[in-house]
């Protein structure tokens, strides 16, 4: 499977996807227009090892809801990820059995190396 979960309104996502514009055969899903399904989320968590690894603690809702002060469990992360797209660290790029989560330069470089 070759898939990119992204947010088309995010300037960082746009920049990353533009730099990867040469990649072919990937399906793109704008998570604001087409929310992730439980099945998709389960697949991402299986590849990444946890729901927490997919979760963005930089999300404004994370801070405004006081979630940083709570002891969240895997089931909480899953529920929050399914509840609102902003909780997903993005972009999430799946290439075969490899998953690349977020926009860190190290992560994007690893993706480029794999696709290279």
N, C-alpha and C. Protein backbone atom coordinates (compact mmCIF):
# COMPACT_ATOMS: atom_id res chain seq x y z
N UNK A 1 0.84 -1.18 0.00
CA UNK A 1 0.00 0.00 0.00
C UNK A 1 0.88 1.24 0.00
N UNK A 2 0.50 2.18 -0.82
CA UNK A 2 1.22 3.45 -0.92
C UNK A 2 0.18 4.55 -0.68
N UNK A 3 0.24 5.18 0.52
CA UNK A 3 -0.81 6.12 0.88
C UNK A 3 -0.24 7.28 1.67
N UNK A 4 -0.82 8.46 1.45
CA UNK A 4 -0.44 9.66 2.18
C UNK A 4 -1.69 10.25 2.82
N UNK A 5 -1.66 10.36 4.15
CA UNK A 5 -2.71 11.04 4.89
C UNK A 5 -2.19 12.42 5.21
N UNK A 6 -2.91 13.44 4.78
CA UNK A 6 -2.41 14.80 4.92
C UNK A 6 -3.55 15.77 5.15
N UNK A 7 -3.18 17.03 5.37
CA UNK A 7 -4.15 18.10 5.53
C UNK A 7 -3.82 19.15 4.48
N UNK A 8 -4.71 19.33 3.52
CA UNK A 8 -4.42 20.22 2.38
C UNK A 8 -4.32 21.68 2.78
N UNK A 9 -4.86 22.05 3.92
CA UNK A 9 -4.80 23.44 4.36
C UNK A 9 -3.55 23.75 5.18
N UNK A 10 -2.73 22.77 5.44
CA UNK A 10 -1.52 22.95 6.26
C UNK A 10 -0.34 23.30 5.35
N UNK A 11 0.27 24.44 5.60
CA UNK A 11 1.39 24.89 4.75
C UNK A 11 2.58 23.94 4.85
N UNK A 12 2.82 23.36 6.01
CA UNK A 12 3.93 22.42 6.16
C UNK A 12 3.67 21.16 5.34
N UNK A 13 2.44 20.66 5.40
CA UNK A 13 2.09 19.49 4.58
C UNK A 13 2.25 19.79 3.11
N UNK A 14 1.82 20.96 2.68
CA UNK A 14 1.94 21.35 1.27
C UNK A 14 3.40 21.36 0.84
N UNK A 15 4.27 21.94 1.68
CA UNK A 15 5.70 22.02 1.36
C UNK A 15 6.30 20.62 1.24
N UNK A 16 5.98 19.76 2.17
CA UNK A 16 6.52 18.39 2.15
C UNK A 16 6.02 17.64 0.92
N UNK A 17 4.75 17.71 0.65
CA UNK A 17 4.19 16.99 -0.49
C UNK A 17 4.74 17.53 -1.81
N UNK A 18 5.00 18.83 -1.86
CA UNK A 18 5.60 19.41 -3.06
C UNK A 18 7.01 18.85 -3.27
N UNK A 19 7.75 18.71 -2.17
CA UNK A 19 9.12 18.16 -2.29
C UNK A 19 9.11 16.69 -2.67
N UNK A 20 7.98 16.04 -2.45
CA UNK A 20 7.84 14.62 -2.79
C UNK A 20 7.00 14.43 -4.04
N UNK A 21 6.85 15.49 -4.82
CA UNK A 21 5.95 15.45 -5.97
C UNK A 21 6.34 14.41 -7.01
N UNK A 22 7.57 13.94 -6.95
CA UNK A 22 8.02 12.95 -7.93
C UNK A 22 7.57 11.53 -7.59
N UNK A 23 7.00 11.38 -6.39
CA UNK A 23 6.55 10.03 -6.03
C UNK A 23 5.28 9.70 -6.81
N UNK A 24 5.25 8.51 -7.31
CA UNK A 24 4.12 8.08 -8.12
C UNK A 24 3.49 6.84 -7.49
N UNK A 25 2.25 6.67 -7.77
CA UNK A 25 1.56 5.48 -7.29
C UNK A 25 1.00 5.62 -5.88
N UNK A 26 1.08 6.82 -5.30
CA UNK A 26 0.55 7.02 -3.96
C UNK A 26 -0.88 7.55 -4.03
N UNK A 27 -1.70 7.06 -3.13
CA UNK A 27 -3.06 7.58 -2.98
C UNK A 27 -3.01 8.65 -1.89
N UNK A 28 -3.63 9.79 -2.15
CA UNK A 28 -3.62 10.90 -1.20
C UNK A 28 -5.00 11.06 -0.59
N UNK A 29 -5.04 11.21 0.74
CA UNK A 29 -6.30 11.40 1.45
C UNK A 29 -6.19 12.63 2.33
N UNK A 30 -6.99 13.65 2.00
CA UNK A 30 -7.07 14.86 2.83
C UNK A 30 -7.97 14.51 4.01
N UNK A 31 -7.39 14.44 5.20
CA UNK A 31 -8.12 13.94 6.37
C UNK A 31 -9.20 14.88 6.87
N UNK A 32 -9.18 16.13 6.41
CA UNK A 32 -10.25 17.05 6.79
C UNK A 32 -11.48 16.80 5.92
N UNK A 33 -11.26 16.53 4.65
CA UNK A 33 -12.37 16.28 3.72
C UNK A 33 -12.87 14.84 3.79
N UNK A 34 -11.95 13.92 4.06
CA UNK A 34 -12.29 12.50 4.14
C UNK A 34 -11.64 11.93 5.40
N UNK A 35 -12.38 11.99 6.52
CA UNK A 35 -11.81 11.54 7.80
C UNK A 35 -11.29 10.10 7.74
N UNK A 36 -10.25 9.86 8.55
CA UNK A 36 -9.71 8.50 8.61
C UNK A 36 -10.74 7.59 9.27
N UNK A 37 -10.76 6.37 8.81
CA UNK A 37 -11.67 5.37 9.37
C UNK A 37 -10.97 4.62 10.49
N UNK A 38 -11.74 3.91 11.27
CA UNK A 38 -11.16 3.10 12.34
C UNK A 38 -10.23 2.04 11.75
N UNK A 39 -10.63 1.46 10.63
CA UNK A 39 -9.79 0.45 9.98
C UNK A 39 -8.45 1.05 9.53
N UNK A 40 -8.48 2.25 8.94
CA UNK A 40 -7.25 2.91 8.52
C UNK A 40 -6.36 3.22 9.73
N UNK A 41 -6.99 3.72 10.79
CA UNK A 41 -6.24 4.06 12.00
C UNK A 41 -5.60 2.81 12.61
N UNK A 42 -6.35 1.72 12.64
CA UNK A 42 -5.82 0.46 13.18
C UNK A 42 -4.60 0.00 12.37
N UNK A 43 -4.69 0.15 11.05
CA UNK A 43 -3.56 -0.23 10.19
C UNK A 43 -2.34 0.64 10.49
N UNK A 44 -2.55 1.95 10.64
CA UNK A 44 -1.44 2.85 10.95
C UNK A 44 -0.81 2.49 12.29
N UNK A 45 -1.65 2.21 13.28
CA UNK A 45 -1.14 1.86 14.61
C UNK A 45 -0.37 0.54 14.58
N UNK A 46 -0.83 -0.39 13.78
CA UNK A 46 -0.13 -1.68 13.66
C UNK A 46 1.27 -1.45 13.09
N UNK A 47 1.37 -0.59 12.08
CA UNK A 47 2.67 -0.31 11.47
C UNK A 47 3.58 0.51 12.38
N UNK A 48 2.99 1.43 13.14
CA UNK A 48 3.80 2.33 13.97
C UNK A 48 4.06 1.79 15.37
N UNK A 49 3.24 0.84 15.80
CA UNK A 49 3.44 0.25 17.12
C UNK A 49 2.50 0.77 18.20
N UNK A 50 1.82 1.90 17.95
CA UNK A 50 0.88 2.43 18.94
C UNK A 50 0.04 3.55 18.35
N UNK A 51 -1.06 3.83 19.02
CA UNK A 51 -1.88 4.98 18.63
C UNK A 51 -1.19 6.26 19.08
N UNK A 52 -0.52 6.19 20.21
CA UNK A 52 0.17 7.37 20.72
C UNK A 52 1.21 7.89 19.74
N UNK A 53 1.88 7.01 19.02
CA UNK A 53 2.91 7.43 18.06
C UNK A 53 2.31 8.23 16.90
N UNK A 54 1.01 8.10 16.69
CA UNK A 54 0.32 8.82 15.62
C UNK A 54 -0.26 10.15 16.10
N UNK A 55 -0.20 10.37 17.39
CA UNK A 55 -0.89 11.48 18.02
C UNK A 55 -0.01 12.72 18.08
N UNK A 56 -0.59 13.86 17.72
CA UNK A 56 0.12 15.14 17.77
C UNK A 56 -0.17 15.85 19.08
N UNK A 57 0.84 15.96 19.91
CA UNK A 57 0.69 16.68 21.17
C UNK A 57 0.90 18.19 20.96
N UNK A 58 1.08 18.58 19.70
CA UNK A 58 1.17 20.00 19.35
C UNK A 58 -0.19 20.57 18.98
N UNK A 59 -1.18 19.73 18.85
CA UNK A 59 -2.52 20.17 18.45
C UNK A 59 -3.09 21.14 19.48
N UNK A 60 -3.72 22.19 18.99
CA UNK A 60 -4.31 23.19 19.89
C UNK A 60 -5.38 22.57 20.79
N UNK A 61 -6.15 21.63 20.28
CA UNK A 61 -7.17 20.97 21.09
C UNK A 61 -6.55 20.18 22.24
N UNK A 62 -5.35 19.68 22.04
CA UNK A 62 -4.66 18.93 23.09
C UNK A 62 -4.42 19.84 24.29
N UNK A 63 -3.99 21.05 24.01
CA UNK A 63 -3.72 22.01 25.09
C UNK A 63 -5.01 22.59 25.65
N UNK A 64 -5.93 22.99 24.77
CA UNK A 64 -7.14 23.65 25.24
C UNK A 64 -8.04 22.73 26.07
N UNK A 65 -7.98 21.44 25.82
CA UNK A 65 -8.77 20.48 26.60
C UNK A 65 -8.05 20.00 27.85
N UNK A 66 -6.84 20.47 28.05
CA UNK A 66 -6.08 20.06 29.23
C UNK A 66 -5.64 18.61 29.19
N UNK A 67 -5.49 18.06 27.98
CA UNK A 67 -5.14 16.65 27.86
C UNK A 67 -3.72 16.36 28.31
N UNK A 68 -2.86 17.37 28.27
CA UNK A 68 -1.47 17.15 28.70
C UNK A 68 -1.37 16.84 30.18
N UNK A 69 -2.41 17.20 30.93
CA UNK A 69 -2.42 16.95 32.37
C UNK A 69 -3.10 15.64 32.73
N UNK A 70 -3.54 14.90 31.71
CA UNK A 70 -4.23 13.63 31.95
C UNK A 70 -3.31 12.47 31.59
N UNK A 71 -3.57 11.34 32.21
CA UNK A 71 -2.81 10.13 31.94
C UNK A 71 -3.55 9.34 30.86
N UNK A 72 -3.28 9.69 29.60
CA UNK A 72 -4.00 9.07 28.49
C UNK A 72 -3.48 7.66 28.21
N UNK A 73 -4.39 6.77 27.92
CA UNK A 73 -4.08 5.39 27.56
C UNK A 73 -4.23 5.21 26.05
N UNK A 74 -3.81 4.07 25.53
CA UNK A 74 -3.92 3.80 24.09
C UNK A 74 -5.36 3.97 23.60
N UNK A 75 -6.33 3.50 24.38
CA UNK A 75 -7.73 3.63 23.96
C UNK A 75 -8.15 5.10 23.87
N UNK A 76 -7.59 5.95 24.74
CA UNK A 76 -7.88 7.38 24.69
C UNK A 76 -7.29 8.00 23.42
N UNK A 77 -6.06 7.64 23.11
CA UNK A 77 -5.43 8.16 21.90
C UNK A 77 -6.23 7.76 20.66
N UNK A 78 -6.67 6.50 20.63
CA UNK A 78 -7.45 6.02 19.49
C UNK A 78 -8.75 6.81 19.36
N UNK A 79 -9.46 6.97 20.45
CA UNK A 79 -10.73 7.70 20.42
C UNK A 79 -10.54 9.14 19.96
N UNK A 80 -9.51 9.79 20.47
CA UNK A 80 -9.25 11.19 20.10
C UNK A 80 -8.87 11.31 18.63
N UNK A 81 -8.06 10.38 18.14
CA UNK A 81 -7.66 10.40 16.73
C UNK A 81 -8.87 10.23 15.81
N UNK A 82 -9.81 9.40 16.21
CA UNK A 82 -11.01 9.20 15.40
C UNK A 82 -11.99 10.38 15.54
N UNK A 83 -11.91 11.07 16.65
CA UNK A 83 -12.83 12.18 16.92
C UNK A 83 -12.52 13.41 16.08
N UNK A 84 -11.23 13.75 15.94
CA UNK A 84 -10.89 15.00 15.25
C UNK A 84 -9.56 14.87 14.51
N UNK A 85 -9.55 15.30 13.26
CA UNK A 85 -8.37 15.16 12.40
C UNK A 85 -7.14 15.89 12.94
N UNK A 86 -7.34 16.91 13.73
CA UNK A 86 -6.21 17.71 14.20
C UNK A 86 -5.26 16.94 15.12
N UNK A 87 -5.75 15.84 15.69
CA UNK A 87 -4.91 15.05 16.59
C UNK A 87 -3.91 14.15 15.87
N UNK A 88 -4.07 13.96 14.57
CA UNK A 88 -3.15 13.10 13.82
C UNK A 88 -1.88 13.88 13.48
N UNK A 89 -0.73 13.34 13.87
CA UNK A 89 0.55 13.93 13.45
C UNK A 89 0.65 13.72 11.95
N UNK A 90 0.92 14.77 11.22
CA UNK A 90 0.88 14.65 9.77
C UNK A 90 2.06 15.31 9.10
N UNK A 91 2.31 14.85 7.90
CA UNK A 91 1.60 13.81 7.17
C UNK A 91 1.96 12.42 7.68
N UNK A 92 1.11 11.47 7.38
CA UNK A 92 1.41 10.06 7.62
C UNK A 92 1.54 9.44 6.24
N UNK A 93 2.71 8.86 5.99
CA UNK A 93 2.98 8.29 4.68
C UNK A 93 3.28 6.81 4.87
N UNK A 94 2.53 5.97 4.16
CA UNK A 94 2.72 4.53 4.23
C UNK A 94 3.26 4.07 2.89
N UNK A 95 4.38 3.39 2.94
CA UNK A 95 4.99 2.83 1.73
C UNK A 95 5.33 1.38 2.03
N UNK A 96 4.54 0.48 1.47
CA UNK A 96 4.73 -0.94 1.78
C UNK A 96 4.42 -1.19 3.24
N UNK A 97 5.40 -1.73 3.97
CA UNK A 97 5.24 -1.98 5.39
C UNK A 97 5.92 -0.92 6.25
N UNK A 98 6.35 0.17 5.62
CA UNK A 98 7.01 1.26 6.35
C UNK A 98 6.04 2.42 6.53
N UNK A 99 6.13 3.06 7.70
CA UNK A 99 5.28 4.21 7.98
C UNK A 99 6.17 5.37 8.42
N UNK A 100 5.84 6.55 7.93
CA UNK A 100 6.57 7.77 8.25
C UNK A 100 5.55 8.75 8.80
N UNK A 101 5.76 9.17 10.05
CA UNK A 101 4.77 9.98 10.75
C UNK A 101 5.35 11.34 11.08
N UNK A 102 4.66 12.38 10.66
CA UNK A 102 5.04 13.73 11.03
C UNK A 102 5.97 14.39 10.05
N UNK A 103 6.36 15.61 10.42
CA UNK A 103 7.08 16.45 9.48
C UNK A 103 8.52 16.77 9.89
N UNK A 104 9.09 15.99 10.78
CA UNK A 104 10.47 16.26 11.17
C UNK A 104 11.41 16.04 9.99
N UNK A 105 12.43 16.87 9.87
CA UNK A 105 13.38 16.70 8.76
C UNK A 105 13.99 15.30 8.71
N UNK A 106 14.27 14.73 9.87
CA UNK A 106 14.84 13.38 9.93
C UNK A 106 13.88 12.36 9.32
N UNK A 107 12.60 12.50 9.63
CA UNK A 107 11.58 11.60 9.12
C UNK A 107 11.44 11.73 7.60
N UNK A 108 11.41 12.94 7.11
CA UNK A 108 11.27 13.18 5.67
C UNK A 108 12.50 12.67 4.93
N UNK A 109 13.67 12.85 5.51
CA UNK A 109 14.89 12.33 4.90
C UNK A 109 14.86 10.81 4.80
N UNK A 110 14.38 10.15 5.86
CA UNK A 110 14.26 8.68 5.85
C UNK A 110 13.29 8.24 4.75
N UNK A 111 12.21 8.97 4.57
CA UNK A 111 11.26 8.66 3.51
C UNK A 111 11.90 8.82 2.14
N UNK A 112 12.61 9.89 1.95
CA UNK A 112 13.28 10.13 0.66
C UNK A 112 14.29 9.01 0.37
N UNK A 113 15.02 8.59 1.39
CA UNK A 113 15.98 7.49 1.23
C UNK A 113 15.26 6.21 0.81
N UNK A 114 14.12 5.93 1.44
CA UNK A 114 13.39 4.70 1.10
C UNK A 114 12.86 4.75 -0.33
N UNK A 115 12.35 5.91 -0.72
CA UNK A 115 11.76 6.03 -2.04
C UNK A 115 12.80 6.19 -3.14
N UNK A 116 14.00 6.67 -2.69
CA UNK A 116 15.09 7.01 -3.60
C UNK A 116 15.31 6.05 -4.67
